[in-house]
Amino acid sequence: MTTRNVPPVCEPTNPLIVQPDRSILLETFQAKYAEARDAIAPFAELEKSPEHIHTYRLSNLSLWNAAAAGITAAHMIETLQKYTKFPLPANLAIDLEETVSRYGRVKLERVSPEQLRIRCEDPILLEELRRQPKVKPYLGEKLDAFGFAVDPAHRGVLKQALIQVGYPAEDLAGYIEGAPLPIALREQCLSGKPFVVRDYQKEAAEVFYASGGVKGGSGVVVLPCGAGKTIVGITAMSLVQKSTLVLTTGITAVKQWKREILDKTDLTEDQVAEYTGETKQIGPVTIATYQIVTYRPDKEEDYPHFKLFDERDWGLIIYDEVHLLPAPVFRVTAQIQARRRLGLTATLIREDGREGDVFTLIGPKKYDVPWRELESAGWIAGASCTEVRINLPDNLRMDYAVAELREKFRIASENPAKDEVVGKLLKLYEQERVIIIGQYLSQLRRLAKRFELPLITGSTPTTEREALYNDFREGKVRHLVLSKVGNFAIDLPDANVLIQVSGTFGSRQEEAQRLGRVLRPKSAGGSAVFYTLVTRDTREVEFAEHRQMFLTEQGYTYAIADENRV
């Protein structure tokens, strides 16, 4: 059955309205809302999420990510047809078929160790691409009617150029094997607890590795915080069996990765090295921070630590929290396309709009699981999300009215009236493990002083930071205030209440990280509670609506409450 012959189904209770411009309206009040949302999520991007109607878009990149994961245009049309309220636009089936088919029409293959080729079975399309100014500089001699020679050094930049002209390449050029490193997963952790890789973690690693073939070895695994992305990375290491470089978000994450690797594999302490601002060691497995890799003493100079990518014969490079990958790392990643590359993330959304570079340079999305699916299976905690609207005090309203746009956001974010709500919530959850997290240090210091709580910021020494995290894990400290350092890779599994007092200009990726702090399964079971405090009638509400999209994307209900009803 072709996509053009699917019979129309027009049920007035269906929740989708599909429009000719590839936008999709999803009515949240219909009975099939959740079912339809989960069905279209693999190939559509959420753009807006007001209360009653959410807007999705079938972007080229979302369609190509789906195609790379094996989803066909026929399946997409069939899914839309199943949930549409009205007949699909006449042009949609052909449009999706043509867009999806563009992925893989151009392939990169290896001819010899010194030469790649670009191959396209359509000579006319190949000639058209050759004449594209963005593509032409990276093509060598014509090999035959279906291909041109390509210098291996141009592998990354050519893929970037091809996606920009609308023909993302399927990279089948293979990989350097890298230095051998025998790695076995333990059956029992060092703590004595049994270690079993969950089915979805094993499947994600195997889909990435693809039995060592050229169709695997580069790509992104999307899993929620708390679902064990680190375990996926470690499992991939055990499949590849090669020397590995792990890049992650900070020193705390480096230590967490090292702890997990030593706990879950037979690697020894001397085989796992840290490369950070504090210590610069290189071993068979090296864990580095993005900060040190992108450090340079002067803007006019090059990045001295880029040499790390050539220090060993890496067989695998893991990019933790790939949605936070700093722009300079894309440059060096374009130069190491012959290395296997695994990206791990909770969301593909980037604030700088460089999702296309993740697709081309790290690889397309290879695996994801909806948050709610893992929640229903008990692998991550359930969560309720509430936005608390708070008035701005009269004495600050004039300051807000005359302030510049950026300062308006700060005044709203640091609203001192939020302190009263924090106090109510701390009393309400007195016996729970509560994290207060925010953007502005002056606000966080004020809260920490008022409620006599420990505060962790970027300037907190690593030893003190680790000691406080450990006290929180053991229940010696129940309430903790965190700056933006709390956005990243912190293992606090029993945290079950998060109070967000301020955030970064509507960042969806930040919302993913922060919600993830309380989604890890609790030792005593139970759900998590997520509060975000927002100043009413200010720019903060506008940005909160943007952040709310992430929660909607993952299927969470998002209640709005007044400060007087907390």
Protein backbone atom coordinates (compact mmCIF):
# COMPACT_ATOMS: atom_id res chain seq x y z
CA MET A 1 0.00 0.00 0.00
CA THR A 2 1.45 3.39 -0.94
CA THR A 3 0.94 6.52 1.09
CA ARG A 4 -1.26 8.00 -1.67
CA ASN A 5 -3.83 5.21 -1.38
CA VAL A 6 -4.54 5.38 2.35
CA PRO A 7 -8.30 5.77 2.72
CA PRO A 8 -9.38 8.92 4.54
CA VAL A 9 -10.61 8.62 8.11
CA CYS A 10 -12.36 11.72 9.36
CA GLU A 11 -13.62 11.29 12.89
CA PRO A 12 -14.67 14.52 14.58
CA THR A 13 -13.28 13.25 17.92
CA ASN A 14 -9.79 12.76 16.46
CA PRO A 15 -7.31 15.26 17.92
CA LEU A 16 -5.14 16.22 14.91
CA ILE A 17 -5.58 18.98 12.34
CA VAL A 18 -2.85 18.64 9.71
CA GLN A 19 -2.23 21.73 7.58
CA PRO A 20 -0.62 22.21 4.14
CA ASP A 21 2.38 24.10 5.59
CA ARG A 22 3.33 20.94 7.54
CA SER A 23 2.13 22.27 10.85
CA ILE A 24 -0.03 20.02 13.01
CA LEU A 25 -2.54 21.23 15.59
CA LEU A 26 -3.13 18.78 18.43
CA GLU A 27 -6.25 19.29 20.57
CA THR A 28 -5.41 18.42 24.16
CA PHE A 29 -9.04 18.03 25.24
CA GLN A 30 -9.76 15.04 22.97
CA ALA A 31 -9.75 11.50 24.38
CA LYS A 32 -7.03 10.33 21.97
CA TYR A 33 -4.72 13.28 22.74
CA ALA A 34 -2.00 11.34 24.62
CA GLU A 35 -2.11 8.45 22.14
CA ALA A 36 -1.74 10.80 19.17
CA ARG A 37 0.99 12.85 20.87
CA ASP A 38 3.12 9.77 21.45
CA ALA A 39 2.48 8.53 17.90
CA ILE A 40 3.67 11.70 16.12
CA ALA A 41 6.55 12.54 18.51
CA PRO A 42 9.14 10.40 16.63
CA PHE A 43 8.81 12.51 13.46
CA ALA A 44 7.32 15.89 14.46
CA GLU A 45 8.72 18.78 16.54
CA LEU A 46 6.66 20.60 19.15
CA GLU A 47 6.62 24.38 18.52
CA LYS A 48 3.96 25.77 20.89
CA SER A 49 2.05 24.32 23.81
CA PRO A 50 -0.73 26.60 25.08
CA GLU A 51 -3.37 24.96 27.21
CA HIS A 52 -5.83 23.60 24.66
CA ILE A 53 -4.06 23.28 21.30
CA HIS A 54 -0.42 22.32 20.77
CA THR A 55 1.40 23.07 17.52
CA TYR A 56 3.85 20.59 15.98
CA ARG A 57 5.84 20.90 12.76
CA LEU A 58 7.08 18.32 10.29
CA SER A 59 10.47 19.96 9.79
CA ASN A 60 13.02 18.57 7.36
CA LEU A 61 15.35 17.66 10.24
CA SER A 62 12.65 15.87 12.24
CA LEU A 63 11.72 13.86 9.12
CA TRP A 64 15.36 12.99 8.37
CA ASN A 65 16.01 11.94 11.98
CA ALA A 66 12.98 9.67 11.71
CA ALA A 67 14.17 8.30 8.37
CA ALA A 68 17.60 7.54 9.85
CA ALA A 69 15.83 5.60 12.62
CA GLY A 70 13.97 3.52 10.00
CA ILE A 71 10.59 5.29 10.05
CA THR A 72 9.11 5.47 6.55
CA ALA A 73 7.01 8.19 4.96
CA ALA A 74 4.24 5.61 4.58
CA HIS A 75 4.22 5.02 8.34
CA MET A 76 4.11 8.78 9.02
CA ILE A 77 1.15 9.31 6.68
CA GLU A 78 -0.62 6.28 8.11
CA THR A 79 -0.15 7.67 11.63
CA LEU A 80 -1.42 11.12 10.68
CA GLN A 81 -4.36 9.55 8.86
CA LYS A 82 -5.28 7.53 11.94
CA TYR A 83 -5.61 10.59 14.18
CA THR A 84 -6.67 13.37 11.80
CA LYS A 85 -9.98 15.15 12.23
CA PHE A 86 -10.14 16.24 8.57
CA PRO A 87 -8.75 14.79 5.31
CA LEU A 88 -5.01 15.28 5.00
CA PRO A 89 -3.88 18.07 2.63
CA ALA A 90 -3.62 16.73 -0.92
CA ASN A 91 0.06 17.65 -1.22
CA LEU A 92 1.23 16.18 2.07
CA ALA A 93 1.85 12.54 1.12
CA ILE A 94 4.00 13.49 -1.89
CA ASP A 95 5.80 16.21 0.09
CA LEU A 96 6.70 13.83 2.94
CA GLU A 97 7.74 11.05 0.57
CA GLU A 98 10.07 13.38 -1.33
CA THR A 99 11.56 14.95 1.81
CA VAL A 100 12.12 11.63 3.58
CA SER A 101 13.63 10.12 0.42
CA ARG A 102 16.31 12.82 0.35
CA TYR A 103 18.02 11.17 3.33
CA GLY A 104 20.43 8.59 1.96
CA ARG A 105 20.13 9.45 -1.74
CA VAL A 106 23.69 10.62 -1.34
CA LYS A 107 26.09 8.22 0.33
CA LEU A 108 29.67 8.54 1.54
CA GLU A 109 31.74 5.38 1.05
CA ARG A 110 35.37 4.40 1.49
CA VAL A 111 37.40 3.59 -1.63
CA SER A 112 40.77 3.18 0.13
CA PRO A 113 42.41 4.32 3.38
CA GLU A 114 43.33 7.56 1.61
CA GLN A 115 40.15 8.21 -0.34
CA LEU A 116 36.38 8.39 0.08
CA ARG A 117 33.75 8.77 -2.58
CA ILE A 118 30.40 10.46 -2.72
CA ARG A 119 27.92 8.23 -4.53
CA CYS A 120 24.49 9.04 -5.95
CA GLU A 121 22.53 6.72 -8.22
CA ASP A 122 20.94 9.73 -9.94
CA PRO A 123 23.63 11.29 -12.23
CA ILE A 124 21.55 14.41 -12.80
CA LEU A 125 21.16 15.03 -9.07
CA LEU A 126 24.87 14.36 -8.61
CA GLU A 127 25.72 16.98 -11.23
CA GLU A 128 23.33 19.43 -9.60
CA LEU A 129 25.04 18.90 -6.24
CA ARG A 130 28.47 19.29 -7.84
CA ARG A 131 27.46 22.75 -9.01
CA GLN A 132 26.32 23.85 -5.55
CA PRO A 133 28.82 26.47 -4.25
CA LYS A 134 28.68 24.96 -0.75
CA VAL A 135 29.41 21.43 -1.98
CA LYS A 136 31.78 21.97 -4.91
CA PRO A 137 34.97 22.81 -2.89
CA TYR A 138 34.93 19.38 -1.23
CA LEU A 139 34.59 17.22 -4.34
CA GLY A 140 37.65 15.81 -6.10
CA GLU A 141 37.90 14.10 -9.46
CA LYS A 142 34.91 12.43 -11.05
CA LEU A 143 35.26 8.66 -10.63
CA ASP A 144 32.31 7.61 -12.80
CA ALA A 145 28.76 8.69 -13.63
CA PHE A 146 27.70 8.06 -10.03
CA GLY A 147 30.50 9.43 -7.89
CA PHE A 148 33.30 11.86 -7.06
CA ALA A 149 36.43 11.36 -5.01
CA VAL A 150 36.44 12.97 -1.54
CA ASP A 151 39.45 13.70 0.66
CA PRO A 152 38.82 12.00 4.08
CA ALA A 153 39.70 15.34 5.72
CA HIS A 154 36.57 16.83 4.11
CA ARG A 155 34.18 14.14 5.41
CA GLY A 156 32.59 16.31 8.10
CA VAL A 157 32.40 19.63 6.24
CA LEU A 158 30.99 17.91 3.14
CA LYS A 159 28.19 16.40 5.23
CA GLN A 160 27.47 19.85 6.68
CA ALA A 161 27.31 21.30 3.16
CA LEU A 162 25.02 18.54 1.88
CA ILE A 163 22.45 18.96 4.64
CA GLN A 164 22.45 22.71 4.01
CA VAL A 165 21.44 22.12 0.38
CA GLY A 166 18.77 19.62 1.43
CA TYR A 167 20.40 16.22 0.81
CA PRO A 168 21.74 14.78 4.08
CA ALA A 169 24.29 12.08 3.33
CA GLU A 170 24.23 8.58 4.73
CA ASP A 171 27.77 8.04 5.96
CA LEU A 172 28.92 4.48 5.19
CA ALA A 173 32.64 5.23 5.08
CA GLY A 174 33.42 3.24 8.22
CA TYR A 175 35.75 3.94 11.12
CA ILE A 176 39.28 3.65 12.39
CA GLU A 177 39.19 0.74 14.84
CA GLY A 178 41.24 2.45 17.52
CA ALA A 179 43.50 0.96 20.20
CA PRO A 180 42.13 -2.30 21.67
CA LEU A 181 40.81 -2.15 25.24
CA PRO A 182 39.17 -5.29 26.66
CA ILE A 183 36.15 -4.22 28.72
CA ALA A 184 33.73 -6.58 30.47
CA LEU A 185 30.58 -5.56 32.32
CA ARG A 186 30.36 -6.78 35.90
CA GLU A 187 27.51 -9.01 37.03
CA GLN A 188 27.89 -7.52 40.50
CA CYS A 189 28.76 -3.89 41.28
CA LEU A 190 31.62 -3.07 43.63
CA SER A 191 28.92 -2.21 46.17
CA GLY A 192 27.78 -5.83 46.05
CA LYS A 193 24.50 -5.11 44.31
CA PRO A 194 23.71 -7.10 41.14
CA PHE A 195 24.21 -5.16 37.89
CA VAL A 196 21.80 -5.81 35.05
CA VAL A 197 21.64 -3.60 31.98
CA ARG A 198 17.99 -2.72 31.33
CA ASP A 199 16.49 -3.91 28.06
CA TYR A 200 16.15 -0.43 26.58
CA GLN A 201 19.72 0.50 27.59
CA LYS A 202 21.08 -2.63 25.92
CA GLU A 203 18.93 -2.05 22.83
CA ALA A 204 20.09 1.58 22.54
CA ALA A 205 23.76 0.56 22.70
CA GLU A 206 23.28 -2.27 20.21
CA VAL A 207 21.38 -0.05 17.75
CA PHE A 208 24.26 2.44 17.94
CA TYR A 209 26.95 -0.22 17.47
CA ALA A 210 25.06 -2.16 14.75
CA SER A 211 27.34 -5.21 15.20
CA GLY A 212 30.34 -3.07 14.25
CA GLY A 213 29.07 -2.41 10.71
CA VAL A 214 29.27 0.85 8.77
CA LYS A 215 25.57 1.57 9.36
CA GLY A 216 26.32 1.98 13.07
CA GLY A 217 29.06 3.76 14.96
CA SER A 218 27.72 7.33 14.87
CA GLY A 219 24.49 8.69 16.25
CA VAL A 220 22.54 10.04 19.19
CA VAL A 221 20.60 8.20 21.89
CA VAL A 222 17.79 10.25 23.46
CA LEU A 223 16.73 9.15 26.95
CA PRO A 224 15.36 11.12 29.91
CA CYS A 225 17.58 12.13 32.82
CA GLY A 226 17.43 9.33 35.34
CA ALA A 227 17.00 6.64 32.68
CA GLY A 228 20.68 5.69 32.76
CA LYS A 229 22.34 7.29 29.74
CA THR A 230 25.70 6.67 31.41
CA ILE A 231 24.92 2.94 31.41
CA VAL A 232 24.15 3.14 27.68
CA GLY A 233 27.58 4.72 27.16
CA ILE A 234 29.33 2.08 29.27
CA THR A 235 27.47 -0.70 27.43
CA ALA A 236 28.55 0.81 24.10
CA MET A 237 32.15 0.82 25.38
CA SER A 238 31.85 -2.89 26.17
CA LEU A 239 30.61 -3.55 22.62
CA VAL A 240 33.30 -1.46 20.89
CA GLN A 241 36.15 -2.77 23.11
CA LYS A 242 38.41 0.15 22.22
CA SER A 243 40.09 3.07 23.93
CA THR A 244 37.42 5.69 24.72
CA LEU A 245 37.27 9.46 25.20
CA VAL A 246 34.26 10.74 27.16
CA LEU A 247 33.40 14.46 27.01
CA THR A 248 31.00 15.76 29.63
CA THR A 249 29.68 18.91 31.28
CA GLY A 250 31.80 19.45 34.38
CA ILE A 251 34.03 18.02 37.09
CA THR A 252 31.09 16.54 39.00
CA ALA A 253 29.99 14.69 35.86
CA VAL A 254 33.58 13.50 35.25
CA LYS A 255 33.73 11.98 38.71
CA GLN A 256 30.29 10.42 38.28
CA TRP A 257 31.32 8.81 34.98
CA LYS A 258 34.53 7.48 36.55
CA ARG A 259 32.62 6.14 39.56
CA GLU A 260 30.13 4.35 37.30
CA ILE A 261 32.79 2.91 34.97
CA LEU A 262 34.80 1.46 37.86
CA ASP A 263 31.64 0.21 39.57
CA LYS A 264 30.09 -1.45 36.49
CA THR A 265 33.10 -2.72 34.47
CA ASP A 266 36.31 -4.64 35.13
CA LEU A 267 38.46 -1.60 34.27
CA THR A 268 40.89 -0.58 36.99
CA GLU A 269 41.60 2.81 38.52
CA ASP A 270 44.80 3.27 36.51
CA GLN A 271 42.92 2.69 33.23
CA VAL A 272 40.40 5.54 33.76
CA ALA A 273 41.90 9.02 33.68
CA GLU A 274 40.47 12.51 34.31
CA TYR A 275 41.31 15.47 32.08
CA THR A 276 39.95 18.65 33.71
CA GLY A 277 41.06 22.02 35.00
CA GLU A 278 42.21 20.25 38.18
CA THR A 279 44.10 17.29 36.70
CA LYS A 280 45.25 16.45 33.19
CA GLN A 281 45.87 12.74 32.86
CA ILE A 282 45.33 10.60 29.77
CA GLY A 283 44.57 6.88 29.91
CA PRO A 284 42.89 4.12 27.89
CA VAL A 285 39.59 5.67 29.03
CA THR A 286 39.82 9.44 29.47
CA ILE A 287 36.99 11.60 30.80
CA ALA A 288 37.26 15.32 30.02
CA THR A 289 35.10 18.42 30.45
CA TYR A 290 33.82 20.57 27.61
CA GLN A 291 35.23 23.56 29.51
CA ILE A 292 38.83 22.36 29.39
CA VAL A 293 38.58 21.24 25.75
CA THR A 294 37.32 24.68 24.69
CA TYR A 295 39.66 26.69 26.93
CA ARG A 296 42.07 29.10 25.28
CA PRO A 297 44.06 31.86 26.97
CA ASP A 298 43.17 34.42 24.31
CA LYS A 299 40.43 34.76 21.70
CA GLU A 300 43.05 35.19 19.00
CA GLU A 301 44.77 31.90 19.86
CA ASP A 302 43.78 28.35 18.98
CA TYR A 303 42.43 25.83 21.47
CA PRO A 304 45.47 24.14 23.10
CA HIS A 305 43.50 21.19 24.45
CA PHE A 306 42.12 20.14 21.05
CA LYS A 307 45.25 17.99 20.96
CA LEU A 308 43.42 15.64 23.33
CA PHE A 309 41.54 14.24 20.33
CA ASP A 310 44.87 13.04 18.89
CA GLU A 311 46.62 12.02 22.11
CA ARG A 312 45.50 8.39 21.78
CA ASP A 313 44.10 6.14 19.08
CA TRP A 314 40.51 6.53 20.25
CA GLY A 315 38.06 3.91 19.02
CA LEU A 316 35.02 5.67 20.54
CA ILE A 317 34.20 9.25 21.54
CA ILE A 318 31.17 9.76 23.78
CA TYR A 319 29.54 13.21 23.90
CA ASP A 320 27.54 13.38 27.13
CA GLU A 321 24.65 15.89 27.15
CA VAL A 322 25.25 16.45 23.43
CA HIS A 323 22.64 19.24 23.34
CA LEU A 324 25.16 21.31 25.34
CA LEU A 325 28.09 20.61 23.02
CA PRO A 326 30.01 23.92 22.74
CA ALA A 327 30.24 25.33 19.22
CA PRO A 328 34.07 25.01 18.99
CA VAL A 329 33.82 21.25 19.57
CA PHE A 330 31.83 20.96 16.33
CA ARG A 331 34.94 22.18 14.52
CA VAL A 332 37.21 19.48 15.91
CA THR A 333 34.43 16.87 15.56
CA ALA A 334 34.26 17.65 11.84
CA GLN A 335 37.93 16.62 11.66
CA ILE A 336 37.52 13.26 13.42
CA GLN A 337 34.71 11.68 11.42
CA ALA A 338 36.65 8.40 11.18
CA ARG A 339 36.18 7.84 14.94
CA ARG A 340 33.00 6.22 16.29
CA ARG A 341 30.87 8.90 17.95
CA LEU A 342 28.01 8.46 20.42
CA GLY A 343 25.88 11.38 21.59
CA LEU A 344 23.78 11.08 24.76
CA THR A 345 21.02 13.55 25.61
CA ALA A 346 17.58 14.07 27.10
CA THR A 347 16.56 16.46 24.31
CA LEU A 348 17.81 17.25 20.81
CA ILE A 349 16.75 20.89 21.21
CA ARG A 350 19.70 23.31 21.15
CA GLU A 351 19.34 26.96 22.06
CA ASP A 352 21.75 27.95 19.26
CA GLY A 353 19.79 26.16 16.53
CA ARG A 354 22.68 23.83 15.59
CA GLU A 355 20.62 20.62 15.65
CA GLY A 356 21.69 20.08 12.02
CA ASP A 357 25.35 19.97 13.07
CA VAL A 358 24.55 17.36 15.71
CA PHE A 359 22.83 15.33 12.97
CA THR A 360 25.75 15.54 10.54
CA LEU A 361 28.80 15.52 12.82
CA ILE A 362 27.76 13.32 15.75
CA GLY A 363 25.13 11.38 13.81
CA PRO A 364 21.35 11.13 13.45
CA LYS A 365 19.04 10.08 16.25
CA LYS A 366 19.36 6.31 16.55
CA TYR A 367 17.20 5.56 19.57
CA ASP A 368 14.74 7.21 21.93
CA VAL A 369 12.06 6.20 24.42
CA PRO A 370 9.25 8.53 25.59
CA TRP A 371 9.64 9.64 29.20
CA ARG A 372 6.13 8.49 30.10
CA GLU A 373 6.80 4.99 28.72
CA LEU A 374 9.75 4.59 31.09
CA GLU A 375 7.71 6.08 33.91
CA SER A 376 4.91 3.56 33.42
CA ALA A 377 7.50 0.76 33.49
CA GLY A 378 8.89 2.09 36.78
CA TRP A 379 12.34 2.99 35.41
CA ILE A 380 11.93 6.69 36.21
CA ALA A 381 9.75 8.37 38.81
CA GLY A 382 6.41 9.93 37.97
CA ALA A 383 6.26 13.70 38.29
CA SER A 384 3.69 16.44 38.75
CA CYS A 385 4.64 19.90 37.46
CA THR A 386 3.21 23.14 38.86
CA GLU A 387 3.88 26.75 37.89
CA VAL A 388 3.24 29.11 40.79
CA ARG A 389 2.33 32.67 39.73
CA ILE A 390 3.53 35.36 42.15
CA ASN A 391 2.82 39.11 42.21
CA LEU A 392 5.64 41.62 41.89
CA PRO A 393 5.74 43.85 45.03
CA ASP A 394 4.48 47.40 44.48
CA ASN A 395 7.88 48.92 45.31
CA LEU A 396 9.44 47.06 42.35
CA ARG A 397 6.75 47.67 39.75
CA MET A 398 8.13 51.06 38.65
CA ASP A 399 11.68 49.65 38.49
CA TYR A 400 10.34 46.91 36.26
CA ALA A 401 8.34 49.31 34.08
CA VAL A 402 11.35 51.49 33.20
CA ALA A 403 13.99 48.74 32.97
CA GLU A 404 15.60 47.47 29.76
CA LEU A 405 14.38 44.09 28.49
CA ARG A 406 17.19 42.00 29.98
CA GLU A 407 16.95 43.76 33.33
CA LYS A 408 13.15 43.24 33.34
CA PHE A 409 13.75 39.48 33.25
CA ARG A 410 16.20 39.68 36.13
CA ILE A 411 13.90 41.81 38.30
CA ALA A 412 11.07 39.33 37.70
CA SER A 413 13.33 36.33 38.31
CA GLU A 414 14.72 37.68 41.61
CA ASN A 415 11.29 38.77 42.88
CA PRO A 416 11.69 38.71 46.70
CA ALA A 417 8.04 37.62 47.06
CA LYS A 418 9.20 34.22 45.80
CA ASP A 419 11.00 33.75 49.13
CA GLU A 420 7.68 33.46 50.96
CA VAL A 421 6.50 30.73 48.60
CA VAL A 422 9.80 28.88 49.01
CA GLY A 423 9.26 29.03 52.78
CA LYS A 424 5.78 27.53 52.44
CA LEU A 425 7.04 24.75 50.23
CA LEU A 426 9.98 23.94 52.52
CA LYS A 427 7.55 23.64 55.42
CA LEU A 428 5.17 21.52 53.32
CA TYR A 429 8.00 19.18 52.30
CA GLU A 430 9.99 19.38 55.52
CA GLN A 431 10.80 15.65 55.56
CA GLU A 432 11.41 15.30 51.80
CA ARG A 433 14.64 15.66 49.81
CA VAL A 434 14.24 19.16 48.33
CA ILE A 435 16.48 20.94 45.80
CA ILE A 436 16.10 24.69 45.28
CA ILE A 437 17.68 25.71 41.99
CA GLY A 438 18.10 29.03 40.25
CA GLN A 439 20.00 31.29 37.89
CA TYR A 440 21.09 34.28 39.99
CA LEU A 441 23.64 33.90 42.79
CA SER A 442 22.40 36.90 44.78
CA GLN A 443 18.93 35.33 44.93
CA LEU A 444 20.30 31.92 45.90
CA ARG A 445 22.55 33.38 48.61
CA ARG A 446 19.54 35.25 50.01
CA LEU A 447 17.49 32.05 50.16
CA ALA A 448 20.34 29.97 51.61
CA LYS A 449 20.92 32.56 54.36
CA ARG A 450 17.23 33.02 55.20
CA PHE A 451 16.46 29.30 55.47
CA GLU A 452 19.92 28.29 56.75
CA LEU A 453 20.57 25.88 53.90
CA PRO A 454 23.84 24.78 52.27
CA LEU A 455 24.53 26.41 48.89
CA ILE A 456 26.53 24.91 46.03
CA THR A 457 27.75 27.18 43.22
CA GLY A 458 30.41 26.95 40.53
CA SER A 459 32.98 28.38 42.97
CA THR A 460 32.31 25.75 45.66
CA PRO A 461 35.48 23.61 45.96
CA THR A 462 35.06 20.14 44.48
CA THR A 463 35.75 18.36 47.78
CA GLU A 464 33.14 20.46 49.63
CA ARG A 465 30.67 19.99 46.77
CA GLU A 466 31.08 16.20 46.76
CA ALA A 467 30.76 16.08 50.56
CA LEU A 468 27.44 18.00 50.44
CA TYR A 469 26.09 15.79 47.64
CA ASN A 470 27.03 12.73 49.67
CA ASP A 471 25.33 14.14 52.80
CA PHE A 472 22.21 14.76 50.71
CA ARG A 473 22.26 11.17 49.36
CA GLU A 474 22.57 9.82 52.91
CA GLY A 475 19.80 12.05 54.29
CA LYS A 476 22.09 14.05 56.59
CA VAL A 477 21.11 17.13 54.55
CA ARG A 478 17.52 17.17 53.27
CA HIS A 479 17.27 20.60 51.66
CA LEU A 480 19.93 21.94 49.27
CA VAL A 481 20.31 25.15 47.22
CA LEU A 482 22.01 24.79 43.83
CA SER A 483 23.11 27.26 41.17
CA LYS A 484 23.31 26.30 37.49
CA VAL A 485 25.81 23.59 38.43
CA GLY A 486 22.70 21.62 39.37
CA ASN A 487 21.66 21.48 35.72
CA PHE A 488 24.29 18.92 34.89
CA ALA A 489 24.91 15.22 35.59
CA ILE A 490 24.42 15.08 39.34
CA ASP A 491 23.44 11.73 40.82
CA LEU A 492 20.99 12.53 43.64
CA PRO A 493 18.52 9.67 43.21
CA ASP A 494 16.37 10.36 46.28
CA ALA A 495 15.69 14.03 45.47
CA ASN A 496 11.92 14.16 45.03
CA VAL A 497 11.02 17.88 45.20
CA LEU A 498 12.51 20.54 42.94
CA ILE A 499 11.77 24.23 43.40
CA GLN A 500 12.95 26.32 40.44
CA VAL A 501 13.16 29.97 41.49
CA SER A 502 14.69 31.30 38.25
CA GLY A 503 15.88 30.00 34.90
CA THR A 504 17.64 30.87 31.66
CA PHE A 505 15.39 32.77 29.25
CA GLY A 506 12.97 29.94 28.53
CA SER A 507 15.58 27.24 27.94
CA ARG A 508 13.95 23.91 27.08
CA GLN A 509 17.26 22.09 27.48
CA GLU A 510 17.64 23.53 30.98
CA GLU A 511 14.14 22.35 31.86
CA ALA A 512 15.13 18.85 30.74
CA GLN A 513 18.18 18.88 33.01
CA ARG A 514 16.37 20.28 36.02
CA LEU A 515 13.37 18.00 35.84
CA GLY A 516 15.80 15.14 35.43
CA ARG A 517 17.23 15.86 38.89
CA VAL A 518 14.06 14.43 40.48
CA LEU A 519 13.11 11.72 37.97
CA ARG A 520 15.45 8.99 39.16
CA PRO A 521 13.52 6.10 40.76
CA LYS A 522 13.21 6.54 44.53
CA SER A 523 14.49 3.90 46.92
CA ALA A 524 11.15 4.10 48.71
CA GLY A 525 9.12 4.47 45.51
CA GLY A 526 6.81 7.43 45.05
CA SER A 527 6.56 10.35 42.66
CA ALA A 528 8.46 13.57 42.20
CA VAL A 529 7.17 17.14 42.45
CA PHE A 530 8.45 19.99 40.27
CA TYR A 531 7.61 23.63 41.06
CA THR A 532 8.64 26.62 39.00
CA LEU A 533 8.06 30.08 40.51
CA VAL A 534 7.13 32.78 38.00
CA THR A 535 6.34 36.49 38.48
CA ARG A 536 2.90 37.33 37.11
CA ASP A 537 2.48 39.89 34.27
CA THR A 538 6.21 39.99 33.42
CA ARG A 539 8.55 38.66 30.74
CA GLU A 540 9.18 35.69 33.00
CA VAL A 541 5.72 34.35 32.13
CA GLU A 542 6.56 34.54 28.43
CA PHE A 543 9.77 32.57 28.91
CA ALA A 544 8.06 30.10 31.24
CA GLU A 545 5.62 29.28 28.44
CA HIS A 546 8.58 28.38 26.24
CA ARG A 547 10.12 26.15 28.92
CA GLN A 548 6.74 24.57 29.50
CA MET A 549 6.91 23.16 25.95
CA PHE A 550 9.55 20.69 27.04
CA LEU A 551 7.32 19.27 29.77
CA THR A 552 4.40 19.06 27.35
CA GLU A 553 6.66 17.37 24.80
CA GLN A 554 7.34 14.62 27.30
CA GLY A 555 3.68 14.18 28.23
CA TYR A 556 3.58 15.87 31.63
CA THR A 557 0.57 17.85 32.77
CA TYR A 558 1.45 21.37 33.80
CA ALA A 559 -0.78 23.01 36.40
CA ILE A 560 -0.79 26.74 37.17
CA ALA A 561 -1.43 27.84 40.75
CA ASP A 562 -1.66 31.16 42.57
CA GLU A 563 0.85 31.93 45.31
CA ASN A 564 -1.95 32.09 47.87
CA ARG A 565 -3.01 28.51 47.13
CA VAL A 566 0.31 26.80 47.72
